[in-house]
Amino acid sequence: MIAYLEGKLSYKEPTYVVIDIQGVGYQVFISLNTFSFIKGMERTKLHTYLHIREDAQLLYGFSTPEEKKLFLDLISISGVGPNTGLVILSSLSPEEIQQAIINENTRVIQSVKGIGAKTAQRIILELKDKMKKEGLTASKDVNSVSYSANHAVSQEALSALVKLGINKSTAEKSIQRILKKENNGISVEDLVKMVLKAR
């Protein structure tokens, strides 16, 4: 098992990065939360999870051990695979996820693309007591940082959304609608989150 990777960020975008370690490039799939943390860095250390399928071996990386643990908790739930786990962590912050689970707020969990009522209830049912025993509490203060909404931001967001399984045409329309409302600008990760939450 690969516990973590530390090296130079040779390529990065909202859905994955390539970490160069002594001339070997490792492709690592990431959440928007991790992208927000590392996007200004030249080097990074990501806590990783190796998912082995019959047709592929995929690495998922996280900026903190806490986010990795939350990801592992989520994918332990029946019906929640690694890609869905990343979509959840890209749609909501770890604090928002914890708060929703502890407060049994199925509406927040269901706001994530692809999560239905039964899956949301299962996540809460199976993780609520575990999180309380670990003393985890969720913060209600979620900081958001806005950047200029320009063509580069919309294109980067579109690329991320398509890779997360959103229809390109649908994503483009949602991006345009949101950018019209965000007069003060918006970051790539916030834009993607807003599209993912849109029903």
Protein backbone atom coordinates (compact mmCIF):
# COMPACT_ATOMS: atom_id res chain seq x y z
CA MET A 1 0.00 0.00 0.00
CA ILE A 2 1.27 3.49 -0.89
CA ALA A 3 0.62 5.65 2.20
CA TYR A 4 1.79 8.95 0.76
CA LEU A 5 3.70 10.56 -2.10
CA GLU A 6 6.00 13.56 -1.74
CA GLY A 7 7.57 15.30 -4.69
CA LYS A 8 7.36 17.96 -7.38
CA LEU A 9 3.99 18.87 -8.88
CA SER A 10 4.74 18.53 -12.59
CA TYR A 11 1.08 18.92 -13.60
CA LYS A 12 -2.11 19.84 -11.80
CA GLU A 13 -5.75 20.52 -12.51
CA PRO A 14 -8.87 20.36 -10.30
CA THR A 15 -9.40 16.61 -10.71
CA TYR A 16 -5.87 15.20 -10.71
CA VAL A 17 -2.17 15.97 -10.39
CA VAL A 18 1.05 14.35 -11.55
CA ILE A 19 3.75 14.13 -8.88
CA ASP A 20 7.33 13.71 -10.10
CA ILE A 21 9.37 11.54 -7.73
CA GLN A 22 12.92 10.97 -8.96
CA GLY A 23 11.86 11.05 -12.59
CA VAL A 24 8.73 8.92 -12.22
CA GLY A 25 5.37 10.67 -12.64
CA TYR A 26 2.51 9.41 -10.50
CA GLN A 27 -1.02 10.39 -11.56
CA VAL A 28 -3.11 11.04 -8.46
CA PHE A 29 -6.83 11.83 -8.47
CA ILE A 30 -7.78 14.58 -6.02
CA SER A 31 -10.79 16.43 -4.62
CA LEU A 32 -11.43 20.14 -5.07
CA ASN A 33 -10.59 20.61 -1.39
CA THR A 34 -7.11 19.21 -1.99
CA PHE A 35 -6.73 21.21 -5.21
CA SER A 36 -7.54 24.41 -3.29
CA PHE A 37 -4.81 23.56 -0.79
CA ILE A 38 -2.02 22.67 -3.24
CA LYS A 39 -2.71 24.77 -6.35
CA GLY A 40 -0.10 27.40 -5.48
CA MET A 41 2.61 24.89 -4.58
CA GLU A 42 5.52 23.54 -6.59
CA ARG A 43 6.03 20.54 -4.31
CA THR A 44 3.56 18.69 -2.14
CA LYS A 45 2.94 15.65 0.03
CA LEU A 46 -0.33 13.82 -0.58
CA HIS A 47 -1.74 11.10 1.65
CA THR A 48 -2.80 8.41 -0.78
CA TYR A 49 -5.15 5.50 -1.21
CA LEU A 50 -4.50 2.86 -3.88
CA HIS A 51 -7.66 1.44 -5.43
CA ILE A 52 -7.10 -1.78 -7.38
CA ARG A 53 -9.61 -2.89 -10.02
CA GLU A 54 -9.40 -5.66 -12.58
CA ASP A 55 -8.60 -3.15 -15.31
CA ALA A 56 -6.68 -0.45 -13.44
CA GLN A 57 -4.75 0.64 -10.35
CA LEU A 58 -5.81 4.16 -9.33
CA LEU A 59 -4.21 6.48 -6.81
CA TYR A 60 -6.32 8.97 -4.86
CA GLY A 61 -4.56 11.72 -2.92
CA PHE A 62 -5.50 14.09 -0.10
CA SER A 63 -3.84 17.14 1.40
CA THR A 64 -4.50 16.01 4.99
CA PRO A 65 -4.79 12.66 6.80
CA GLU A 66 -8.22 13.81 8.01
CA GLU A 67 -9.58 14.20 4.47
CA LYS A 68 -8.17 10.80 3.52
CA LYS A 69 -9.85 9.21 6.53
CA LEU A 70 -13.18 10.82 5.63
CA PHE A 71 -12.79 9.50 2.07
CA LEU A 72 -12.13 5.98 3.39
CA ASP A 73 -15.16 6.26 5.69
CA LEU A 74 -17.34 7.31 2.74
CA ILE A 75 -16.21 4.53 0.40
CA SER A 76 -16.81 1.95 3.13
CA ILE A 77 -20.53 2.62 2.57
CA SER A 78 -22.31 0.30 0.14
CA GLY A 79 -23.01 2.17 -3.09
CA VAL A 80 -20.25 4.75 -2.59
CA GLY A 81 -17.18 4.07 -4.75
CA PRO A 82 -13.95 6.09 -4.96
CA ASN A 83 -15.22 8.36 -7.75
CA THR A 84 -18.41 9.11 -5.83
CA GLY A 85 -16.33 9.73 -2.72
CA LEU A 86 -14.29 12.33 -4.62
CA VAL A 87 -17.45 13.97 -5.97
CA ILE A 88 -18.75 14.29 -2.40
CA LEU A 89 -15.45 15.81 -1.23
CA SER A 90 -15.48 18.13 -4.26
CA SER A 91 -19.05 19.28 -3.63
CA LEU A 92 -18.80 19.80 0.12
CA SER A 93 -15.96 20.62 2.50
CA PRO A 94 -14.99 17.94 5.06
CA GLU A 95 -16.57 20.15 7.75
CA GLU A 96 -19.85 20.38 5.82
CA ILE A 97 -19.92 16.61 5.34
CA GLN A 98 -19.27 15.95 9.02
CA GLN A 99 -21.89 18.48 10.08
CA ALA A 100 -24.48 16.98 7.74
CA ILE A 101 -23.79 13.47 9.03
CA ILE A 102 -23.79 14.40 12.72
CA ASN A 103 -26.94 16.51 12.34
CA GLU A 104 -28.61 13.84 10.16
CA ASN A 105 -29.10 16.38 7.37
CA THR A 106 -29.91 14.17 4.39
CA ARG A 107 -30.76 17.20 2.25
CA VAL A 108 -27.14 18.39 2.27
CA ILE A 109 -25.79 14.94 1.36
CA GLN A 110 -28.40 14.59 -1.40
CA SER A 111 -27.31 17.91 -2.90
CA VAL A 112 -24.29 16.03 -4.29
CA LYS A 113 -24.67 14.77 -7.86
CA GLY A 114 -25.49 11.07 -7.97
CA ILE A 115 -26.42 10.73 -4.29
CA GLY A 116 -30.01 9.62 -3.78
CA ALA A 117 -32.11 9.53 -0.61
CA LYS A 118 -31.25 5.92 0.27
CA THR A 119 -27.50 6.43 -0.13
CA ALA A 120 -27.61 9.67 1.89
CA GLN A 121 -29.50 7.90 4.68
CA ARG A 122 -27.05 4.99 4.61
CA ILE A 123 -24.06 7.35 4.89
CA ILE A 124 -25.58 9.08 7.90
CA LEU A 125 -26.74 5.86 9.57
CA GLU A 126 -23.37 4.13 9.27
CA LEU A 127 -21.07 7.08 10.02
CA LYS A 128 -22.92 9.21 12.59
CA ASP A 129 -22.04 7.18 15.70
CA LYS A 130 -18.50 6.57 14.47
CA MET A 131 -17.86 10.30 14.07
CA LYS A 132 -19.36 11.11 17.46
CA LYS A 133 -17.18 8.48 19.15
CA GLU A 134 -14.12 10.04 17.52
CA GLY A 135 -15.16 13.42 18.86
CA LEU A 136 -15.52 14.95 15.43
CA THR A 137 -17.55 18.12 15.21
CA ALA A 138 -18.30 20.21 12.18
CA SER A 139 -17.60 23.89 11.86
CA LYS A 140 -20.40 26.09 10.57
CA ASP A 141 -17.96 28.73 9.42
CA VAL A 142 -16.84 27.81 5.92
CA ASN A 143 -14.47 30.26 4.32
CA SER A 144 -14.71 30.86 0.61
CA VAL A 145 -12.24 32.74 -1.50
CA SER A 146 -13.30 34.32 -4.76
CA TYR A 147 -11.12 34.97 -7.79
CA SER A 148 -11.84 36.69 -11.07
CA ALA A 149 -14.32 34.78 -13.17
CA ASN A 150 -12.74 34.75 -16.61
CA HIS A 151 -12.47 32.46 -19.61
CA ALA A 152 -9.63 30.44 -18.09
CA VAL A 153 -11.65 29.78 -14.93
CA SER A 154 -14.73 28.66 -16.87
CA GLN A 155 -12.68 26.37 -19.13
CA GLU A 156 -10.84 24.80 -16.19
CA ALA A 157 -14.14 24.26 -14.38
CA LEU A 158 -15.71 22.74 -17.51
CA SER A 159 -12.82 20.30 -17.87
CA ALA A 160 -13.15 19.25 -14.23
CA LEU A 161 -16.92 18.79 -14.48
CA VAL A 162 -16.69 16.64 -17.61
CA LYS A 163 -14.13 14.41 -15.85
CA LEU A 164 -16.49 14.14 -12.89
CA GLY A 165 -19.16 12.75 -15.21
CA ILE A 166 -21.24 15.85 -16.03
CA ASN A 167 -22.56 16.23 -19.57
CA LYS A 168 -20.49 18.91 -21.33
CA SER A 169 -23.46 20.84 -22.71
CA THR A 170 -25.23 20.80 -19.35
CA ALA A 171 -22.06 21.90 -17.57
CA GLU A 172 -21.50 24.79 -20.00
CA LYS A 173 -25.05 26.10 -19.47
CA SER A 174 -24.73 25.85 -15.69
CA ILE A 175 -21.34 27.62 -15.73
CA GLN A 176 -22.70 30.48 -17.84
CA ARG A 177 -25.74 30.86 -15.59
CA ILE A 178 -23.62 30.96 -12.42
CA LEU A 179 -21.01 33.35 -13.84
CA LYS A 180 -23.74 35.85 -14.73
CA LYS A 181 -24.81 35.94 -11.08
CA GLU A 182 -21.28 36.10 -9.63
CA ASN A 183 -20.40 39.71 -10.35
CA ASN A 184 -17.43 39.71 -7.95
CA GLY A 185 -15.75 36.71 -9.52
CA ILE A 186 -15.51 33.10 -8.45
CA SER A 187 -12.78 30.49 -8.07
CA VAL A 188 -12.61 27.32 -10.16
CA GLU A 189 -13.35 25.08 -7.19
CA ASP A 190 -16.32 27.18 -6.03
CA LEU A 191 -17.71 27.25 -9.57
CA VAL A 192 -17.46 23.47 -9.84
CA LYS A 193 -19.09 23.05 -6.43
CA MET A 194 -22.01 25.27 -7.41
CA VAL A 195 -22.60 23.34 -10.64
CA LEU A 196 -22.43 20.01 -8.79
CA LYS A 197 -24.98 21.23 -6.25
CA ALA A 198 -27.37 22.52 -8.91
CA ARG A 199 -30.27 20.15 -9.43
